[in-house]
Amino acid sequence: MADTKFAQFIAERKLDGRRIMAASRQIERLLPEDRAIKLRKRLAKKAGGETPEGAVKETRKPRTGRPVTPRALDAALIGKAISGPTKTRILRAINRLLEQKKLDPVDLRALF
């Protein structure tokens, strides 16, 4: 393993890559309310951006539906360049695992 900030953090906190991917899959999974948000957004776009009378404009963002992949995790471990959204997904999964271990959450700068 390379001596990247991310690899050192994972080793120091004894986090397993498979648990990171499982946590990410659970966090990022599309739920019915996410699909409803996307549907309302698509219908509003189709109607020219107009919202019907009494309808509230959607302000929540749906989940992405794209969990952390083994390829992305390996790239982060060896220090290759990964995209910003992928870094955020990894961060959310790690913070979920740290929360389960009763540890304080970290920020993005602590990992990358």
PDB file of N, CA and C in Angstrom:
ATOM      1  N   MET A   1       0.826  -1.178   0.000  1.00  0.00           N
ATOM      2  CA  MET A   1       0.000   0.000   0.000  1.00  0.00           C
ATOM      3  C   MET A   1       0.876   1.249   0.000  1.00  0.00           C
ATOM      4  N   ALA A   2       0.405   2.252  -0.671  1.00  0.00           N
ATOM      5  CA  ALA A   2       1.144   3.503  -0.748  1.00  0.00           C
ATOM      6  C   ALA A   2       0.964   4.304   0.541  1.00  0.00           C
ATOM      7  N   ASP A   3       1.854   5.239   0.741  1.00  0.00           N
ATOM      8  CA  ASP A   3       1.761   6.074   1.930  1.00  0.00           C
ATOM      9  C   ASP A   3       0.993   7.347   1.646  1.00  0.00           C
ATOM     10  N   THR A   4      -0.217   7.207   1.180  1.00  0.00           N
ATOM     11  CA  THR A   4      -1.052   8.377   0.947  1.00  0.00           C
ATOM     12  C   THR A   4      -1.761   8.732   2.243  1.00  0.00           C
ATOM     13  N   LYS A   5      -2.263   9.937   2.302  1.00  0.00           N
ATOM     14  CA  LYS A   5      -3.005  10.390   3.471  1.00  0.00           C
ATOM     15  C   LYS A   5      -4.196   9.476   3.732  1.00  0.00           C
ATOM     16  N   PHE A   6      -4.889   9.118   2.648  1.00  0.00           N
ATOM     17  CA  PHE A   6      -6.083   8.278   2.761  1.00  0.00           C
ATOM     18  C   PHE A   6      -5.725   6.881   3.268  1.00  0.00           C
ATOM     19  N   ALA A   7      -4.675   6.274   2.718  1.00  0.00           N
ATOM     20  CA  ALA A   7      -4.268   4.933   3.126  1.00  0.00           C
ATOM     21  C   ALA A   7      -3.833   4.922   4.590  1.00  0.00           C
ATOM     22  N   GLN A   8      -3.120   5.951   5.023  1.00  0.00           N
ATOM     23  CA  GLN A   8      -2.704   6.039   6.417  1.00  0.00           C
ATOM     24  C   GLN A   8      -3.910   6.171   7.336  1.00  0.00           C
ATOM     25  N   PHE A   9      -4.887   6.972   6.929  1.00  0.00           N
ATOM     26  CA  PHE A   9      -6.087   7.169   7.742  1.00  0.00           C
ATOM     27  C   PHE A   9      -6.858   5.862   7.891  1.00  0.00           C
ATOM     28  N   ILE A  10      -7.003   5.125   6.787  1.00  0.00           N
ATOM     29  CA  ILE A  10      -7.737   3.859   6.814  1.00  0.00           C
ATOM     30  C   ILE A  10      -7.027   2.848   7.723  1.00  0.00           C
ATOM     31  N   ALA A  11      -5.708   2.783   7.613  1.00  0.00           N
ATOM     32  CA  ALA A  11      -4.946   1.841   8.434  1.00  0.00           C
ATOM     33  C   ALA A  11      -4.990   2.235   9.911  1.00  0.00           C
ATOM     34  N   GLU A  12      -4.881   3.524  10.175  1.00  0.00           N
ATOM     35  CA  GLU A  12      -4.875   4.015  11.549  1.00  0.00           C
ATOM     36  C   GLU A  12      -6.217   3.769  12.252  1.00  0.00           C
ATOM     37  N   ARG A  13      -7.310   3.955  11.521  1.00  0.00           N
ATOM     38  CA  ARG A  13      -8.645   3.767  12.106  1.00  0.00           C
ATOM     39  C   ARG A  13      -9.166   2.342  11.956  1.00  0.00           C
ATOM     40  N   LYS A  14      -8.373   1.471  11.316  1.00  0.00           N
ATOM     41  CA  LYS A  14      -8.729   0.061  11.111  1.00  0.00           C
ATOM     42  C   LYS A  14     -10.069  -0.092  10.388  1.00  0.00           C
ATOM     43  N   LEU A  15     -10.196   0.618   9.264  1.00  0.00           N
ATOM     44  CA  LEU A  15     -11.404   0.531   8.448  1.00  0.00           C
ATOM     45  C   LEU A  15     -11.143  -0.402   7.271  1.00  0.00           C
ATOM     46  N   ASP A  16     -12.115  -1.231   6.954  1.00  0.00           N
ATOM     47  CA  ASP A  16     -11.994  -2.201   5.873  1.00  0.00           C
ATOM     48  C   ASP A  16     -12.637  -1.627   4.607  1.00  0.00           C
ATOM     49  N   GLY A  17     -12.006  -1.845   3.472  1.00  0.00           N
ATOM     50  CA  GLY A  17     -12.529  -1.343   2.206  1.00  0.00           C
ATOM     51  C   GLY A  17     -13.893  -1.906   1.867  1.00  0.00           C
ATOM     52  N   ARG A  18     -14.121  -3.179   2.219  1.00  0.00           N
ATOM     53  CA  ARG A  18     -15.428  -3.779   1.932  1.00  0.00           C
ATOM     54  C   ARG A  18     -16.523  -3.115   2.743  1.00  0.00           C
ATOM     55  N   ARG A  19     -16.219  -2.712   3.981  1.00  0.00           N
ATOM     56  CA  ARG A  19     -17.213  -2.015   4.794  1.00  0.00           C
ATOM     57  C   ARG A  19     -17.473  -0.617   4.262  1.00  0.00           C
ATOM     58  N   ILE A  20     -16.437   0.026   3.725  1.00  0.00           N
ATOM     59  CA  ILE A  20     -16.617   1.351   3.131  1.00  0.00           C
ATOM     60  C   ILE A  20     -17.555   1.253   1.935  1.00  0.00           C
ATOM     61  N   MET A  21     -17.331   0.246   1.081  1.00  0.00           N
ATOM     62  CA  MET A  21     -18.192   0.077  -0.096  1.00  0.00           C
ATOM     63  C   MET A  21     -19.621  -0.281   0.303  1.00  0.00           C
ATOM     64  N   ALA A  22     -19.787  -1.115   1.331  1.00  0.00           N
ATOM     65  CA  ALA A  22     -21.127  -1.487   1.781  1.00  0.00           C
ATOM     66  C   ALA A  22     -21.864  -0.288   2.365  1.00  0.00           C
ATOM     67  N   ALA A  23     -21.158   0.523   3.150  1.00  0.00           N
ATOM     68  CA  ALA A  23     -21.778   1.718   3.721  1.00  0.00           C
ATOM     69  C   ALA A  23     -22.171   2.693   2.620  1.00  0.00           C
ATOM     70  N   SER A  24     -21.319   2.843   1.627  1.00  0.00           N
ATOM     71  CA  SER A  24     -21.615   3.742   0.517  1.00  0.00           C
ATOM     72  C   SER A  24     -22.827   3.249  -0.265  1.00  0.00           C
ATOM     73  N   ARG A  25     -22.898   1.942  -0.476  1.00  0.00           N
ATOM     74  CA  ARG A  25     -24.036   1.387  -1.209  1.00  0.00           C
ATOM     75  C   ARG A  25     -25.341   1.668  -0.455  1.00  0.00           C
ATOM     76  N   GLN A  26     -25.305   1.581   0.862  1.00  0.00           N
ATOM     77  CA  GLN A  26     -26.498   1.843   1.665  1.00  0.00           C
ATOM     78  C   GLN A  26     -26.864   3.334   1.652  1.00  0.00           C
ATOM     79  N   ILE A  27     -25.874   4.194   1.742  1.00  0.00           N
ATOM     80  CA  ILE A  27     -26.127   5.636   1.780  1.00  0.00           C
ATOM     81  C   ILE A  27     -26.646   6.151   0.446  1.00  0.00           C
ATOM     82  N   GLU A  28     -26.024   5.712  -0.644  1.00  0.00           N
ATOM     83  CA  GLU A  28     -26.315   6.269  -1.963  1.00  0.00           C
ATOM     84  C   GLU A  28     -27.474   5.600  -2.687  1.00  0.00           C
ATOM     85  N   ARG A  29     -28.040   4.537  -2.137  1.00  0.00           N
ATOM     86  CA  ARG A  29     -29.119   3.814  -2.806  1.00  0.00           C
ATOM     87  C   ARG A  29     -30.318   4.727  -3.063  1.00  0.00           C
ATOM     88  N   LEU A  30     -30.847   4.648  -4.275  1.00  0.00           N
ATOM     89  CA  LEU A  30     -32.031   5.440  -4.607  1.00  0.00           C
ATOM     90  C   LEU A  30     -33.246   4.865  -3.893  1.00  0.00           C
ATOM     91  N   LEU A  31     -33.978   5.715  -3.220  1.00  0.00           N
ATOM     92  CA  LEU A  31     -35.196   5.326  -2.525  1.00  0.00           C
ATOM     93  C   LEU A  31     -36.393   5.887  -3.288  1.00  0.00           C
ATOM     94  N   PRO A  32     -37.600   5.421  -2.987  1.00  0.00           N
ATOM     95  CA  PRO A  32     -38.778   5.938  -3.697  1.00  0.00           C
ATOM     96  C   PRO A  32     -38.910   7.463  -3.646  1.00  0.00           C
ATOM     97  N   GLU A  33     -38.575   8.078  -2.502  1.00  0.00           N
ATOM     98  CA  GLU A  33     -38.695   9.541  -2.446  1.00  0.00           C
ATOM     99  C   GLU A  33     -37.674  10.221  -3.356  1.00  0.00           C
ATOM    100  N   ASP A  34     -36.509   9.599  -3.551  1.00  0.00           N
ATOM    101  CA  ASP A  34     -35.523  10.156  -4.485  1.00  0.00           C
ATOM    102  C   ASP A  34     -36.041  10.080  -5.916  1.00  0.00           C
ATOM    103  N   ARG A  35     -36.647   8.968  -6.250  1.00  0.00           N
ATOM    104  CA  ARG A  35     -37.216   8.827  -7.593  1.00  0.00           C
ATOM    105  C   ARG A  35     -38.344   9.829  -7.808  1.00  0.00           C
ATOM    106  N   ALA A  36     -39.136  10.081  -6.765  1.00  0.00           N
ATOM    107  CA  ALA A  36     -40.228  11.061  -6.866  1.00  0.00           C
ATOM    108  C   ALA A  36     -39.664  12.470  -7.077  1.00  0.00           C
ATOM    109  N   ILE A  37     -38.581  12.798  -6.387  1.00  0.00           N
ATOM    110  CA  ILE A  37     -37.949  14.110  -6.560  1.00  0.00           C
ATOM    111  C   ILE A  37     -37.483  14.276  -8.002  1.00  0.00           C
ATOM    112  N   LYS A  38     -36.823  13.242  -8.530  1.00  0.00           N
ATOM    113  CA  LYS A  38     -36.342  13.306  -9.912  1.00  0.00           C
ATOM    114  C   LYS A  38     -37.499  13.413 -10.899  1.00  0.00           C
ATOM    115  N   LEU A  39     -38.599  12.702 -10.637  1.00  0.00           N
ATOM    116  CA  LEU A  39     -39.768  12.759 -11.512  1.00  0.00           C
ATOM    117  C   LEU A  39     -40.363  14.166 -11.529  1.00  0.00           C
ATOM    118  N   ARG A  40     -40.541  14.765 -10.329  1.00  0.00           N
ATOM    119  CA  ARG A  40     -41.103  16.117 -10.274  1.00  0.00           C
ATOM    120  C   ARG A  40     -40.200  17.115 -10.988  1.00  0.00           C
ATOM    121  N   LYS A  41     -38.908  16.955 -10.833  1.00  0.00           N
ATOM    122  CA  LYS A  41     -37.970  17.856 -11.495  1.00  0.00           C
ATOM    123  C   LYS A  41     -38.055  17.702 -13.012  1.00  0.00           C
ATOM    124  N   ARG A  42     -38.157  16.453 -13.470  1.00  0.00           N
ATOM    125  CA  ARG A  42     -38.240  16.185 -14.907  1.00  0.00           C
ATOM    126  C   ARG A  42     -39.551  16.729 -15.478  1.00  0.00           C
ATOM    127  N   LEU A  43     -40.651  16.549 -14.757  1.00  0.00           N
ATOM    128  CA  LEU A  43     -41.942  17.045 -15.232  1.00  0.00           C
ATOM    129  C   LEU A  43     -41.972  18.571 -15.262  1.00  0.00           C
ATOM    130  N   ALA A  44     -41.343  19.215 -14.268  1.00  0.00           N
ATOM    131  CA  ALA A  44     -41.300  20.675 -14.243  1.00  0.00           C
ATOM    132  C   ALA A  44     -40.472  21.201 -15.410  1.00  0.00           C
ATOM    133  N   LYS A  45     -39.394  20.498 -15.737  1.00  0.00           N
ATOM    134  CA  LYS A  45     -38.558  20.907 -16.864  1.00  0.00           C
ATOM    135  C   LYS A  45     -39.325  20.752 -18.172  1.00  0.00           C
ATOM    136  N   LYS A  46     -40.098  19.683 -18.262  1.00  0.00           N
ATOM    137  CA  LYS A  46     -40.878  19.413 -19.463  1.00  0.00           C
ATOM    138  C   LYS A  46     -41.968  20.471 -19.655  1.00  0.00           C
ATOM    139  N   ALA A  47     -42.525  20.961 -18.532  1.00  0.00           N
ATOM    140  CA  ALA A  47     -43.588  21.959 -18.581  1.00  0.00           C
ATOM    141  C   ALA A  47     -43.024  23.376 -18.752  1.00  0.00           C
ATOM    142  N   GLY A  48     -41.761  23.490 -18.989  1.00  0.00           N
ATOM    143  CA  GLY A  48     -41.176  24.809 -19.217  1.00  0.00           C
ATOM    144  C   GLY A  48     -40.794  25.523 -17.938  1.00  0.00           C
ATOM    145  N   GLY A  49     -40.579  24.778 -16.866  1.00  0.00           N
ATOM    146  CA  GLY A  49     -40.161  25.385 -15.620  1.00  0.00           C
ATOM    147  C   GLY A  49     -41.302  25.934 -14.793  1.00  0.00           C
ATOM    148  N   GLU A  50     -42.527  25.793 -15.282  1.00  0.00           N
ATOM    149  CA  GLU A  50     -43.680  26.305 -14.535  1.00  0.00           C
ATOM    150  C   GLU A  50     -44.143  25.257 -13.533  1.00  0.00           C
ATOM    151  N   THR A  51     -44.481  25.722 -12.348  1.00  0.00           N
ATOM    152  CA  THR A  51     -45.036  24.810 -11.349  1.00  0.00           C
ATOM    153  C   THR A  51     -46.531  25.069 -11.257  1.00  0.00           C
ATOM    154  N   PRO A  52     -47.328  24.011 -11.127  1.00  0.00           N
ATOM    155  CA  PRO A  52     -48.774  24.204 -11.002  1.00  0.00           C
ATOM    156  C   PRO A  52     -49.127  24.969  -9.731  1.00  0.00           C
ATOM    157  N   GLU A  53     -50.329  25.540  -9.711  1.00  0.00           N
ATOM    158  CA  GLU A  53     -50.792  26.294  -8.553  1.00  0.00           C
ATOM    159  C   GLU A  53     -50.786  25.404  -7.314  1.00  0.00           C
ATOM    160  N   GLY A  54     -50.250  25.910  -6.220  1.00  0.00           N
ATOM    161  CA  GLY A  54     -50.255  25.171  -4.966  1.00  0.00           C
ATOM    162  C   GLY A  54     -49.107  24.172  -4.837  1.00  0.00           C
ATOM    163  N   ALA A  55     -48.380  23.938  -5.898  1.00  0.00           N
ATOM    164  CA  ALA A  55     -47.261  22.988  -5.831  1.00  0.00           C
ATOM    165  C   ALA A  55     -46.028  23.706  -5.295  1.00  0.00           C
ATOM    166  N   VAL A  56     -45.309  23.026  -4.438  1.00  0.00           N
ATOM    167  CA  VAL A  56     -44.110  23.596  -3.839  1.00  0.00           C
ATOM    168  C   VAL A  56     -42.907  23.166  -4.658  1.00  0.00           C
ATOM    169  N   LYS A  57     -42.034  24.117  -4.936  1.00  0.00           N
ATOM    170  CA  LYS A  57     -40.835  23.789  -5.697  1.00  0.00           C
ATOM    171  C   LYS A  57     -39.930  22.901  -4.842  1.00  0.00           C
ATOM    172  N   GLU A  58     -39.394  21.872  -5.458  1.00  0.00           N
ATOM    173  CA  GLU A  58     -38.556  20.908  -4.750  1.00  0.00           C
ATOM    174  C   GLU A  58     -37.199  21.524  -4.442  1.00  0.00           C
ATOM    175  N   THR A  59     -36.819  21.524  -3.171  1.00  0.00           N
ATOM    176  CA  THR A  59     -35.532  22.074  -2.776  1.00  0.00           C
ATOM    177  C   THR A  59     -34.562  20.986  -2.331  1.00  0.00           C
ATOM    178  N   ARG A  60     -35.070  19.784  -2.021  1.00  0.00           N
ATOM    179  CA  ARG A  60     -34.186  18.688  -1.614  1.00  0.00           C
ATOM    180  C   ARG A  60     -33.477  18.114  -2.829  1.00  0.00           C
ATOM    181  N   LYS A  61     -32.296  17.567  -2.582  1.00  0.00           N
ATOM    182  CA  LYS A  61     -31.564  16.907  -3.655  1.00  0.00           C
ATOM    183  C   LYS A  61     -31.685  15.400  -3.454  1.00  0.00           C
ATOM    184  N   PRO A  62     -31.920  14.675  -4.531  1.00  0.00           N
ATOM    185  CA  PRO A  62     -31.997  13.220  -4.391  1.00  0.00           C
ATOM    186  C   PRO A  62     -30.613  12.615  -4.218  1.00  0.00           C
ATOM    187  N   ARG A  63     -30.584  11.393  -3.713  1.00  0.00           N
ATOM    188  CA  ARG A  63     -29.315  10.677  -3.626  1.00  0.00           C
ATOM    189  C   ARG A  63     -28.821  10.408  -5.044  1.00  0.00           C
ATOM    190  N   THR A  64     -27.550  10.091  -5.165  1.00  0.00           N
ATOM    191  CA  THR A  64     -26.977   9.915  -6.496  1.00  0.00           C
ATOM    192  C   THR A  64     -27.287   8.553  -7.086  1.00  0.00           C
ATOM    193  N   GLY A  65     -27.374   7.538  -6.252  1.00  0.00           N
ATOM    194  CA  GLY A  65     -27.569   6.192  -6.766  1.00  0.00           C
ATOM    195  C   GLY A  65     -26.267   5.569  -7.228  1.00  0.00           C
ATOM    196  N   ARG A  66     -25.150   6.241  -6.978  1.00  0.00           N
ATOM    197  CA  ARG A  66     -23.849   5.746  -7.417  1.00  0.00           C
ATOM    198  C   ARG A  66     -22.938   5.550  -6.214  1.00  0.00           C
ATOM    199  N   PRO A  67     -22.774   4.325  -5.753  1.00  0.00           N
ATOM    200  CA  PRO A  67     -21.914   4.088  -4.593  1.00  0.00           C
ATOM    201  C   PRO A  67     -20.435   4.086  -4.978  1.00  0.00           C
ATOM    202  N   VAL A  68     -19.591   4.005  -3.975  1.00  0.00           N
ATOM    203  CA  VAL A  68     -18.151   3.907  -4.184  1.00  0.00           C
ATOM    204  C   VAL A  68     -17.845   2.539  -4.774  1.00  0.00           C
ATOM    205  N   THR A  69     -17.035   2.512  -5.814  1.00  0.00           N
ATOM    206  CA  THR A  69     -16.682   1.252  -6.460  1.00  0.00           C
ATOM    207  C   THR A  69     -15.308   0.788  -5.969  1.00  0.00           C
ATOM    208  N   PRO A  70     -15.007  -0.500  -6.148  1.00  0.00           N
ATOM    209  CA  PRO A  70     -13.671  -0.973  -5.767  1.00  0.00           C
ATOM    210  C   PRO A  70     -12.560  -0.249  -6.531  1.00  0.00           C
ATOM    211  N   ARG A  71     -12.821   0.073  -7.779  1.00  0.00           N
ATOM    212  CA  ARG A  71     -11.827   0.789  -8.584  1.00  0.00           C
ATOM    213  C   ARG A  71     -11.539   2.175  -8.013  1.00  0.00           C
ATOM    214  N   ALA A  72     -12.581   2.878  -7.593  1.00  0.00           N
ATOM    215  CA  ALA A  72     -12.398   4.209  -7.017  1.00  0.00           C
ATOM    216  C   ALA A  72     -11.663   4.121  -5.681  1.00  0.00           C
ATOM    217  N   LEU A  73     -11.991   3.119  -4.889  1.00  0.00           N
ATOM    218  CA  LEU A  73     -11.341   2.950  -3.600  1.00  0.00           C
ATOM    219  C   LEU A  73      -9.854   2.616  -3.774  1.00  0.00           C
ATOM    220  N   ASP A  74      -9.547   1.759  -4.736  1.00  0.00           N
ATOM    221  CA  ASP A  74      -8.148   1.428  -5.015  1.00  0.00           C
ATOM    222  C   ASP A  74      -7.377   2.656  -5.495  1.00  0.00           C
ATOM    223  N   ALA A  75      -8.011   3.456  -6.347  1.00  0.00           N
ATOM    224  CA  ALA A  75      -7.367   4.674  -6.844  1.00  0.00           C
ATOM    225  C   ALA A  75      -7.080   5.637  -5.693  1.00  0.00           C
ATOM    226  N   ALA A  76      -8.012   5.743  -4.749  1.00  0.00           N
ATOM    227  CA  ALA A  76      -7.813   6.625  -3.601  1.00  0.00           C
ATOM    228  C   ALA A  76      -6.692   6.098  -2.709  1.00  0.00           C
ATOM    229  N   LEU A  77      -6.598   4.793  -2.563  1.00  0.00           N
ATOM    230  CA  LEU A  77      -5.565   4.204  -1.708  1.00  0.00           C
ATOM    231  C   LEU A  77      -4.156   4.410  -2.256  1.00  0.00           C
ATOM    232  N   ILE A  78      -4.008   4.347  -3.579  1.00  0.00           N
ATOM    233  CA  ILE A  78      -2.661   4.489  -4.143  1.00  0.00           C
ATOM    234  C   ILE A  78      -2.335   5.924  -4.548  1.00  0.00           C
ATOM    235  N   GLY A  79      -3.304   6.821  -4.414  1.00  0.00           N
ATOM    236  CA  GLY A  79      -3.034   8.225  -4.647  1.00  0.00           C
ATOM    237  C   GLY A  79      -3.308   8.718  -6.052  1.00  0.00           C
ATOM    238  N   LYS A  80      -4.046   7.965  -6.861  1.00  0.00           N
ATOM    239  CA  LYS A  80      -4.405   8.446  -8.197  1.00  0.00           C
ATOM    240  C   LYS A  80      -5.453   9.546  -8.071  1.00  0.00           C
ATOM    241  N   ALA A  81      -5.610  10.285  -9.145  1.00  0.00           N
ATOM    242  CA  ALA A  81      -6.592  11.364  -9.148  1.00  0.00           C
ATOM    243  C   ALA A  81      -7.995  10.788  -9.236  1.00  0.00           C
ATOM    244  N   ILE A  82      -8.877  11.265  -8.354  1.00  0.00           N
ATOM    245  CA  ILE A  82     -10.283  10.871  -8.413  1.00  0.00           C
ATOM    246  C   ILE A  82     -11.127  12.132  -8.375  1.00  0.00           C
ATOM    247  N   SER A  83     -12.351  12.015  -8.872  1.00  0.00           N
ATOM    248  CA  SER A  83     -13.204  13.202  -8.999  1.00  0.00           C
ATOM    249  C   SER A  83     -13.708  13.677  -7.636  1.00  0.00           C
ATOM    250  N   GLY A  84     -14.161  14.896  -7.619  1.00  0.00           N
ATOM    251  CA  GLY A  84     -14.704  15.485  -6.399  1.00  0.00           C
ATOM    252  C   GLY A  84     -15.912  14.745  -5.854  1.00  0.00           C
ATOM    253  N   PRO A  85     -16.902  14.406  -6.710  1.00  0.00           N
ATOM    254  CA  PRO A  85     -18.057  13.660  -6.197  1.00  0.00           C
ATOM    255  C   PRO A  85     -17.680  12.293  -5.620  1.00  0.00           C
ATOM    256  N   THR A  86     -16.677  11.643  -6.190  1.00  0.00           N
ATOM    257  CA  THR A  86     -16.239  10.352  -5.660  1.00  0.00           C
ATOM    258  C   THR A  86     -15.597  10.537  -4.293  1.00  0.00           C
ATOM    259  N   LYS A  87     -14.816  11.599  -4.139  1.00  0.00           N
ATOM    260  CA  LYS A  87     -14.219  11.890  -2.834  1.00  0.00           C
ATOM    261  C   LYS A  87     -15.307  12.123  -1.792  1.00  0.00           C
ATOM    262  N   THR A  88     -16.361  12.820  -2.190  1.00  0.00           N
ATOM    263  CA  THR A  88     -17.451  13.099  -1.266  1.00  0.00           C
ATOM    264  C   THR A  88     -18.174  11.821  -0.872  1.00  0.00           C
ATOM    265  N   ARG A  89     -18.376  10.911  -1.817  1.00  0.00           N
ATOM    266  CA  ARG A  89     -19.022   9.633  -1.499  1.00  0.00           C
ATOM    267  C   ARG A  89     -18.185   8.818  -0.530  1.00  0.00           C
ATOM    268  N   ILE A  90     -16.876   8.803  -0.754  1.00  0.00           N
ATOM    269  CA  ILE A  90     -15.976   8.085   0.154  1.00  0.00           C
ATOM    270  C   ILE A  90     -16.039   8.709   1.544  1.00  0.00           C
ATOM    271  N   LEU A  91     -16.039  10.036   1.595  1.00  0.00           N
ATOM    272  CA  LEU A  91     -16.109  10.746   2.874  1.00  0.00           C
ATOM    273  C   LEU A  91     -17.386  10.403   3.628  1.00  0.00           C
ATOM    274  N   ARG A  92     -18.524  10.406   2.937  1.00  0.00           N
ATOM    275  CA  ARG A  92     -19.791  10.081   3.601  1.00  0.00           C
ATOM    276  C   ARG A  92     -19.780   8.668   4.160  1.00  0.00           C
ATOM    277  N   ALA A  93     -19.236   7.718   3.392  1.00  0.00           N
ATOM    278  CA  ALA A  93     -19.174   6.326   3.847  1.00  0.00           C
ATOM    279  C   ALA A  93     -18.257   6.190   5.060  1.00  0.00           C
ATOM    280  N   ILE A  94     -17.116   6.859   5.030  1.00  0.00           N
ATOM    281  CA  ILE A  94     -16.182   6.780   6.161  1.00  0.00           C
ATOM    282  C   ILE A  94     -16.780   7.423   7.402  1.00  0.00           C
ATOM    283  N   ASN A  95     -17.454   8.546   7.232  1.00  0.00           N
ATOM    284  CA  ASN A  95     -18.088   9.182   8.388  1.00  0.00           C
ATOM    285  C   ASN A  95     -19.194   8.302   8.968  1.00  0.00           C
ATOM    286  N   ARG A  96     -19.892   7.559   8.138  1.00  0.00           N
ATOM    287  CA  ARG A  96     -20.903   6.626   8.640  1.00  0.00           C
ATOM    288  C   ARG A  96     -20.248   5.539   9.497  1.00  0.00           C
ATOM    289  N   LEU A  97     -19.113   5.003   9.019  1.00  0.00           N
ATOM    290  CA  LEU A  97     -18.413   3.973   9.780  1.00  0.00           C
ATOM    291  C   LEU A  97     -17.830   4.530  11.078  1.00  0.00           C
ATOM    292  N   LEU A  98     -17.301   5.747  11.030  1.00  0.00           N
ATOM    293  CA  LEU A  98     -16.768   6.361  12.246  1.00  0.00           C
ATOM    294  C   LEU A  98     -17.878   6.625  13.258  1.00  0.00           C
ATOM    295  N   GLU A  99     -19.041   6.992  12.757  1.00  0.00           N
ATOM    296  CA  GLU A  99     -20.190   7.212  13.634  1.00  0.00           C
ATOM    297  C   GLU A  99     -20.581   5.909  14.333  1.00  0.00           C
ATOM    298  N   GLN A 100     -20.529   4.791  13.603  1.00  0.00           N
ATOM    299  CA  GLN A 100     -20.846   3.501  14.198  1.00  0.00           C
ATOM    300  C   GLN A 100     -19.828   3.112  15.263  1.00  0.00           C
ATOM    301  N   LYS A 101     -18.573   3.562  15.096  1.00  0.00           N
ATOM    302  CA  LYS A 101     -17.522   3.273  16.069  1.00  0.00           C
ATOM    303  C   LYS A 101     -17.480   4.304  17.190  1.00  0.00           C
ATOM    304  N   LYS A 102     -18.442   5.222  17.205  1.00  0.00           N
ATOM    305  CA  LYS A 102     -18.529   6.286  18.208  1.00  0.00           C
ATOM    306  C   LYS A 102     -17.326   7.220  18.163  1.00  0.00           C
ATOM    307  N   LEU A 103     -16.820   7.473  16.945  1.00  0.00           N
ATOM    308  CA  LEU A 103     -15.722   8.407  16.747  1.00  0.00           C
ATOM    309  C   LEU A 103     -16.228   9.663  16.063  1.00  0.00           C
ATOM    310  N   ASP A 104     -15.457  10.722  16.147  1.00  0.00           N
ATOM    311  CA  ASP A 104     -15.846  11.990  15.537  1.00  0.00           C
ATOM    312  C   ASP A 104     -15.720  11.916  14.024  1.00  0.00           C
ATOM    313  N   PRO A 105     -16.634  12.562  13.292  1.00  0.00           N
ATOM    314  CA  PRO A 105     -16.522  12.598  11.825  1.00  0.00           C
ATOM    315  C   PRO A 105     -15.317  13.435  11.400  1.00  0.00           C
ATOM    316  N   VAL A 106     -14.842  13.176  10.195  1.00  0.00           N
ATOM    317  CA  VAL A 106     -13.693  13.913   9.662  1.00  0.00           C
ATOM    318  C   VAL A 106     -14.157  14.749   8.480  1.00  0.00           C
ATOM    319  N   ASP A 107     -13.297  15.674   8.055  1.00  0.00           N
ATOM    320  CA  ASP A 107     -13.621  16.457   6.873  1.00  0.00           C
ATOM    321  C   ASP A 107     -12.772  15.985   5.700  1.00  0.00           C
ATOM    322  N   LEU A 108     -13.060  16.498   4.551  1.00  0.00           N
ATOM    323  CA  LEU A 108     -12.423  16.044   3.316  1.00  0.00           C
ATOM    324  C   LEU A 108     -10.911  16.269   3.322  1.00  0.00           C
ATOM    325  N   ARG A 109     -10.467  17.365   3.920  1.00  0.00           N
ATOM    326  CA  ARG A 109      -9.029  17.673   3.940  1.00  0.00           C
ATOM    327  C   ARG A 109      -8.245  16.664   4.784  1.00  0.00           C
ATOM    328  N   ALA A 110      -8.909  15.998   5.728  1.00  0.00           N
ATOM    329  CA  ALA A 110      -8.217  15.002   6.548  1.00  0.00           C
ATOM    330  C   ALA A 110      -7.952  13.725   5.767  1.00  0.00           C
ATOM    331  N   LEU A 111      -8.712  13.503   4.687  1.00  0.00           N
ATOM    332  CA  LEU A 111      -8.561  12.274   3.916  1.00  0.00           C
ATOM    333  C   LEU A 111      -7.727  12.461   2.661  1.00  0.00           C
ATOM    334  N   PHE A 112      -7.900  13.572   1.954  1.00  0.00           N
ATOM    335  CA  PHE A 112      -7.240  13.754   0.658  1.00  0.00           C
ATOM    336  C   PHE A 112      -6.371  14.979   0.635  1.00  0.00           C
TER     337      PHE A 112
END
